[in-house]
Amino acid sequence: MTPSRRDPRSLDGGRLRPPALRVLSLGMGVKSTALLMLAADGVIPRFDTAIFAHTGREPKEVMRHLDRVEAIAVEAGIPIVRVSVPGIRPDADPRRLHVFVPTFELPADGEHGEA
């Protein structure tokens, strides 16, 4: 299969080049935790970093789990970056229990736009 013109991967002698940076989106669920542990054990290629988006609404158990997982990851050379944006709560509509987040799409005409 030949990558399309928009495919960010590039061919190098008929083989795909490895990614320049391997980043894991760490949601602290079963799947992302398992991927991080597999990388820490050397079963799959190591991530350069893992990013945890801290909303400030995680239960204490999740944060304790993150602390345990982070200790293992750091020992394996995989730093975990905790990112947060203060003030996400005021954007939430308590009647609908959701936050309005802008989403972006690529329409048929190829121009970028906000949905």
N, C-alpha and C. Protein backbone atom coordinates (compact mmCIF):
# COMPACT_ATOMS: atom_id res chain seq x y z
N MET A 1 0.84 -1.18 0.00
CA MET A 1 0.00 0.00 0.00
C MET A 1 0.88 1.24 0.00
N THR A 2 0.61 2.15 -0.90
CA THR A 2 1.37 3.39 -0.97
C THR A 2 0.65 4.46 -0.16
N PRO A 3 1.38 5.16 0.74
CA PRO A 3 0.72 6.21 1.52
C PRO A 3 0.15 7.29 0.61
N SER A 4 -0.97 7.84 1.01
CA SER A 4 -1.57 8.92 0.24
C SER A 4 -0.74 10.19 0.42
N ARG A 5 -1.06 11.17 -0.34
CA ARG A 5 -0.33 12.43 -0.29
C ARG A 5 -0.47 13.09 1.08
N ARG A 6 -1.56 12.86 1.81
CA ARG A 6 -1.76 13.45 3.13
C ARG A 6 -1.24 12.58 4.26
N ASP A 7 -0.78 11.39 3.93
CA ASP A 7 -0.28 10.47 4.96
C ASP A 7 1.02 11.05 5.54
N PRO A 8 1.08 11.25 6.88
CA PRO A 8 2.29 11.86 7.47
C PRO A 8 3.49 10.92 7.45
N ARG A 9 3.26 9.64 7.21
CA ARG A 9 4.39 8.71 7.13
C ARG A 9 5.09 8.91 5.80
N SER A 10 6.38 8.66 5.78
CA SER A 10 7.08 8.77 4.51
C SER A 10 7.84 7.49 4.23
N LEU A 11 8.03 7.21 2.97
CA LEU A 11 8.73 6.01 2.57
C LEU A 11 10.23 6.28 2.48
N ASP A 12 11.02 5.32 2.93
CA ASP A 12 12.46 5.43 2.87
C ASP A 12 12.97 4.09 2.33
N GLY A 13 13.25 4.03 1.05
CA GLY A 13 13.71 2.79 0.45
C GLY A 13 12.65 1.70 0.50
N GLY A 14 11.37 2.09 0.40
CA GLY A 14 10.30 1.11 0.42
C GLY A 14 9.85 0.73 1.82
N ARG A 15 10.49 1.29 2.84
CA ARG A 15 10.11 0.97 4.23
C ARG A 15 9.70 2.25 4.95
N LEU A 16 8.73 2.12 5.84
CA LEU A 16 8.30 3.29 6.62
C LEU A 16 9.37 3.62 7.64
N ARG A 17 9.68 4.90 7.78
CA ARG A 17 10.64 5.33 8.79
C ARG A 17 9.99 5.28 10.16
N PRO A 18 10.77 5.02 11.20
CA PRO A 18 10.19 5.00 12.55
C PRO A 18 9.73 6.39 12.94
N PRO A 19 8.79 6.48 13.86
CA PRO A 19 8.31 7.81 14.27
C PRO A 19 9.43 8.61 14.94
N ALA A 20 9.39 9.92 14.77
CA ALA A 20 10.40 10.79 15.38
C ALA A 20 10.20 10.87 16.89
N LEU A 21 8.97 10.71 17.33
CA LEU A 21 8.66 10.83 18.75
C LEU A 21 7.51 9.88 19.07
N ARG A 22 7.67 9.11 20.12
CA ARG A 22 6.62 8.16 20.54
C ARG A 22 6.01 8.70 21.83
N VAL A 23 4.74 9.12 21.76
CA VAL A 23 4.05 9.71 22.91
C VAL A 23 2.79 8.91 23.18
N LEU A 24 2.56 8.59 24.45
CA LEU A 24 1.37 7.86 24.86
C LEU A 24 0.42 8.82 25.56
N SER A 25 -0.83 8.83 25.12
CA SER A 25 -1.88 9.57 25.82
C SER A 25 -2.35 8.68 26.96
N LEU A 26 -2.01 9.05 28.17
CA LEU A 26 -2.26 8.21 29.34
C LEU A 26 -3.55 8.65 30.02
N GLY A 27 -4.61 7.86 29.82
CA GLY A 27 -5.89 8.19 30.42
C GLY A 27 -6.12 7.50 31.75
N MET A 28 -5.19 6.63 32.14
CA MET A 28 -5.21 5.86 33.38
C MET A 28 -6.24 4.75 33.38
N GLY A 29 -6.77 4.42 32.21
CA GLY A 29 -7.65 3.26 32.10
C GLY A 29 -6.82 2.01 31.86
N VAL A 30 -7.49 0.92 31.62
CA VAL A 30 -6.83 -0.37 31.44
C VAL A 30 -5.91 -0.35 30.22
N LYS A 31 -6.39 0.18 29.10
CA LYS A 31 -5.63 0.10 27.85
C LYS A 31 -4.35 0.92 27.89
N SER A 32 -4.44 2.19 28.28
CA SER A 32 -3.23 3.02 28.28
C SER A 32 -2.26 2.58 29.37
N THR A 33 -2.78 2.11 30.50
CA THR A 33 -1.91 1.60 31.56
C THR A 33 -1.18 0.35 31.07
N ALA A 34 -1.89 -0.54 30.39
CA ALA A 34 -1.26 -1.75 29.87
C ALA A 34 -0.18 -1.43 28.85
N LEU A 35 -0.45 -0.48 27.95
CA LEU A 35 0.56 -0.08 26.97
C LEU A 35 1.80 0.47 27.66
N LEU A 36 1.60 1.28 28.67
CA LEU A 36 2.74 1.86 29.38
C LEU A 36 3.55 0.78 30.08
N MET A 37 2.87 -0.18 30.72
CA MET A 37 3.56 -1.26 31.41
C MET A 37 4.31 -2.17 30.44
N LEU A 38 3.70 -2.43 29.27
CA LEU A 38 4.38 -3.24 28.25
C LEU A 38 5.64 -2.54 27.76
N ALA A 39 5.57 -1.23 27.59
CA ALA A 39 6.74 -0.47 27.16
C ALA A 39 7.80 -0.45 28.26
N ALA A 40 7.37 -0.28 29.50
CA ALA A 40 8.31 -0.26 30.62
C ALA A 40 9.02 -1.60 30.77
N ASP A 41 8.34 -2.70 30.45
CA ASP A 41 8.92 -4.04 30.53
C ASP A 41 9.73 -4.40 29.28
N GLY A 42 9.69 -3.53 28.25
CA GLY A 42 10.44 -3.80 27.03
C GLY A 42 9.76 -4.74 26.06
N VAL A 43 8.48 -5.03 26.29
CA VAL A 43 7.74 -5.92 25.40
C VAL A 43 7.40 -5.21 24.09
N ILE A 44 7.11 -3.92 24.17
CA ILE A 44 6.87 -3.09 22.98
C ILE A 44 7.87 -1.94 23.05
N PRO A 45 8.10 -1.23 21.94
CA PRO A 45 9.05 -0.11 21.97
C PRO A 45 8.69 0.92 23.03
N ARG A 46 9.73 1.47 23.63
CA ARG A 46 9.57 2.44 24.71
C ARG A 46 8.99 3.76 24.18
N PHE A 47 8.14 4.38 24.98
CA PHE A 47 7.62 5.70 24.65
C PHE A 47 8.63 6.75 25.10
N ASP A 48 8.69 7.86 24.37
CA ASP A 48 9.56 8.96 24.78
C ASP A 48 8.97 9.69 25.98
N THR A 49 7.66 9.71 26.03
CA THR A 49 6.96 10.32 27.16
C THR A 49 5.51 9.85 27.15
N ALA A 50 4.85 10.03 28.27
CA ALA A 50 3.41 9.78 28.37
C ALA A 50 2.79 11.05 28.93
N ILE A 51 1.62 11.40 28.44
CA ILE A 51 0.96 12.63 28.87
C ILE A 51 -0.36 12.27 29.55
N PHE A 52 -0.52 12.78 30.76
CA PHE A 52 -1.76 12.61 31.51
C PHE A 52 -2.44 13.97 31.60
N ALA A 53 -3.66 14.07 31.07
CA ALA A 53 -4.43 15.32 31.12
C ALA A 53 -5.24 15.34 32.41
N HIS A 54 -4.79 16.14 33.34
CA HIS A 54 -5.40 16.22 34.67
C HIS A 54 -6.53 17.26 34.65
N THR A 55 -7.77 16.77 34.79
CA THR A 55 -8.92 17.67 34.75
C THR A 55 -9.24 18.27 36.12
N GLY A 56 -8.68 17.67 37.16
CA GLY A 56 -8.99 18.11 38.52
C GLY A 56 -10.22 17.43 39.09
N ARG A 57 -10.82 16.54 38.30
CA ARG A 57 -12.03 15.85 38.74
C ARG A 57 -11.81 14.35 38.90
N GLU A 58 -10.55 13.91 38.82
CA GLU A 58 -10.26 12.49 38.97
C GLU A 58 -10.44 12.06 40.43
N PRO A 59 -10.96 10.86 40.64
CA PRO A 59 -11.07 10.35 42.01
C PRO A 59 -9.68 10.12 42.61
N LYS A 60 -9.61 10.09 43.93
CA LYS A 60 -8.34 9.87 44.62
C LYS A 60 -7.69 8.56 44.18
N GLU A 61 -8.50 7.54 43.92
CA GLU A 61 -7.97 6.24 43.50
C GLU A 61 -7.20 6.35 42.19
N VAL A 62 -7.71 7.16 41.27
CA VAL A 62 -7.04 7.34 39.98
C VAL A 62 -5.69 8.01 40.19
N MET A 63 -5.64 9.00 41.05
CA MET A 63 -4.39 9.71 41.30
C MET A 63 -3.38 8.80 42.01
N ARG A 64 -3.85 7.95 42.91
CA ARG A 64 -2.94 6.99 43.55
C ARG A 64 -2.41 5.99 42.52
N HIS A 65 -3.28 5.55 41.63
CA HIS A 65 -2.86 4.64 40.55
C HIS A 65 -1.83 5.32 39.66
N LEU A 66 -2.05 6.58 39.33
CA LEU A 66 -1.10 7.34 38.52
C LEU A 66 0.26 7.41 39.22
N ASP A 67 0.27 7.66 40.51
CA ASP A 67 1.53 7.73 41.25
C ASP A 67 2.29 6.40 41.17
N ARG A 68 1.58 5.28 41.32
CA ARG A 68 2.22 3.96 41.24
C ARG A 68 2.78 3.70 39.84
N VAL A 69 1.96 3.99 38.84
CA VAL A 69 2.36 3.76 37.45
C VAL A 69 3.53 4.68 37.08
N GLU A 70 3.49 5.90 37.55
CA GLU A 70 4.55 6.86 37.24
C GLU A 70 5.90 6.39 37.79
N ALA A 71 5.91 5.82 38.99
CA ALA A 71 7.16 5.33 39.57
C ALA A 71 7.79 4.25 38.68
N ILE A 72 6.95 3.36 38.16
CA ILE A 72 7.44 2.28 37.28
C ILE A 72 7.93 2.87 35.96
N ALA A 73 7.16 3.80 35.40
CA ALA A 73 7.50 4.40 34.10
C ALA A 73 8.81 5.18 34.19
N VAL A 74 8.96 5.99 35.21
CA VAL A 74 10.17 6.81 35.35
C VAL A 74 11.39 5.91 35.51
N GLU A 75 11.25 4.84 36.26
CA GLU A 75 12.37 3.91 36.43
C GLU A 75 12.76 3.29 35.09
N ALA A 76 11.79 3.13 34.20
CA ALA A 76 12.05 2.56 32.87
C ALA A 76 12.47 3.64 31.86
N GLY A 77 12.61 4.88 32.32
CA GLY A 77 13.04 5.95 31.42
C GLY A 77 11.92 6.59 30.61
N ILE A 78 10.69 6.45 31.08
CA ILE A 78 9.54 7.04 30.39
C ILE A 78 8.93 8.09 31.32
N PRO A 79 9.24 9.36 31.09
CA PRO A 79 8.66 10.39 31.96
C PRO A 79 7.17 10.57 31.69
N ILE A 80 6.43 10.88 32.74
CA ILE A 80 5.01 11.19 32.60
C ILE A 80 4.83 12.68 32.84
N VAL A 81 4.21 13.33 31.88
CA VAL A 81 3.94 14.77 31.99
C VAL A 81 2.48 14.92 32.36
N ARG A 82 2.23 15.65 33.43
CA ARG A 82 0.86 15.92 33.87
C ARG A 82 0.51 17.33 33.40
N VAL A 83 -0.51 17.43 32.56
CA VAL A 83 -0.94 18.73 32.06
C VAL A 83 -2.34 19.03 32.57
N SER A 84 -2.59 20.29 32.82
CA SER A 84 -3.93 20.69 33.25
C SER A 84 -4.18 22.13 32.84
N VAL A 85 -5.44 22.46 32.75
CA VAL A 85 -5.86 23.82 32.45
C VAL A 85 -6.81 24.23 33.57
N PRO A 86 -6.43 25.22 34.36
CA PRO A 86 -7.34 25.62 35.43
C PRO A 86 -8.61 26.23 34.86
N GLY A 87 -9.69 26.00 35.53
CA GLY A 87 -10.94 26.66 35.15
C GLY A 87 -11.77 25.93 34.13
N ILE A 88 -11.57 24.63 33.94
CA ILE A 88 -12.40 23.91 32.97
C ILE A 88 -13.83 23.76 33.49
N ARG A 89 -13.99 23.72 34.80
CA ARG A 89 -15.30 23.52 35.40
C ARG A 89 -16.32 24.60 35.04
N PRO A 90 -15.96 25.89 35.02
CA PRO A 90 -16.95 26.90 34.66
C PRO A 90 -17.51 26.76 33.25
N ASP A 91 -16.80 26.08 32.37
CA ASP A 91 -17.29 25.88 31.00
C ASP A 91 -18.37 24.82 30.93
N ALA A 92 -18.50 24.04 31.98
CA ALA A 92 -19.47 22.95 31.97
C ALA A 92 -20.88 23.48 32.23
N ASP A 93 -21.83 22.92 31.54
CA ASP A 93 -23.23 23.25 31.76
C ASP A 93 -23.79 22.20 32.72
N PRO A 94 -24.03 22.55 33.99
CA PRO A 94 -24.45 21.54 34.97
C PRO A 94 -25.77 20.86 34.61
N ARG A 95 -26.59 21.49 33.77
CA ARG A 95 -27.85 20.87 33.36
C ARG A 95 -27.62 19.76 32.35
N ARG A 96 -26.52 19.85 31.59
CA ARG A 96 -26.27 18.86 30.54
C ARG A 96 -25.11 17.94 30.88
N LEU A 97 -24.35 18.28 31.91
CA LEU A 97 -23.22 17.47 32.36
C LEU A 97 -22.18 17.24 31.27
N HIS A 98 -21.85 18.28 30.52
CA HIS A 98 -20.77 18.16 29.55
C HIS A 98 -20.09 19.51 29.37
N VAL A 99 -18.94 19.47 28.74
CA VAL A 99 -18.16 20.67 28.47
C VAL A 99 -18.17 20.89 26.96
N PHE A 100 -18.30 22.14 26.55
CA PHE A 100 -18.27 22.47 25.13
C PHE A 100 -16.82 22.54 24.68
N VAL A 101 -16.42 21.63 23.81
CA VAL A 101 -15.05 21.56 23.33
C VAL A 101 -15.07 21.77 21.82
N PRO A 102 -14.22 22.66 21.31
CA PRO A 102 -14.20 22.83 19.86
C PRO A 102 -13.63 21.59 19.18
N THR A 103 -14.25 21.21 18.09
CA THR A 103 -13.74 20.07 17.32
C THR A 103 -13.44 20.57 15.91
N PHE A 104 -12.52 19.91 15.26
CA PHE A 104 -12.09 20.32 13.93
C PHE A 104 -12.29 19.17 12.97
N GLU A 105 -12.62 19.50 11.75
CA GLU A 105 -12.88 18.48 10.74
C GLU A 105 -12.23 18.88 9.43
N LEU A 106 -12.14 17.93 8.54
CA LEU A 106 -11.63 18.19 7.20
C LEU A 106 -12.74 17.91 6.21
N PRO A 107 -13.47 18.96 5.78
CA PRO A 107 -14.59 18.77 4.86
C PRO A 107 -14.12 18.26 3.49
N ALA A 108 -15.07 17.91 2.67
CA ALA A 108 -14.77 17.36 1.34
C ALA A 108 -13.95 18.29 0.49
N ASP A 109 -14.07 19.62 0.70
CA ASP A 109 -13.30 20.55 -0.13
C ASP A 109 -11.83 20.66 0.31
N GLY A 110 -11.48 19.97 1.41
CA GLY A 110 -10.08 19.94 1.85
C GLY A 110 -9.67 21.10 2.74
N GLU A 111 -10.57 22.04 2.96
CA GLU A 111 -10.24 23.19 3.82
C GLU A 111 -10.52 22.82 5.27
N HIS A 112 -9.62 23.25 6.17
CA HIS A 112 -9.82 22.98 7.59
C HIS A 112 -10.95 23.86 8.11
N GLY A 113 -11.71 23.35 9.06
CA GLY A 113 -12.79 24.13 9.63
C GLY A 113 -13.15 23.64 11.01
N GLU A 114 -13.78 24.50 11.77
CA GLU A 114 -14.23 24.13 13.11
C GLU A 114 -15.68 23.68 13.02
N ALA A 115 -15.96 22.54 13.66
CA ALA A 115 -17.32 21.99 13.62
C ALA A 115 -18.19 22.66 14.67
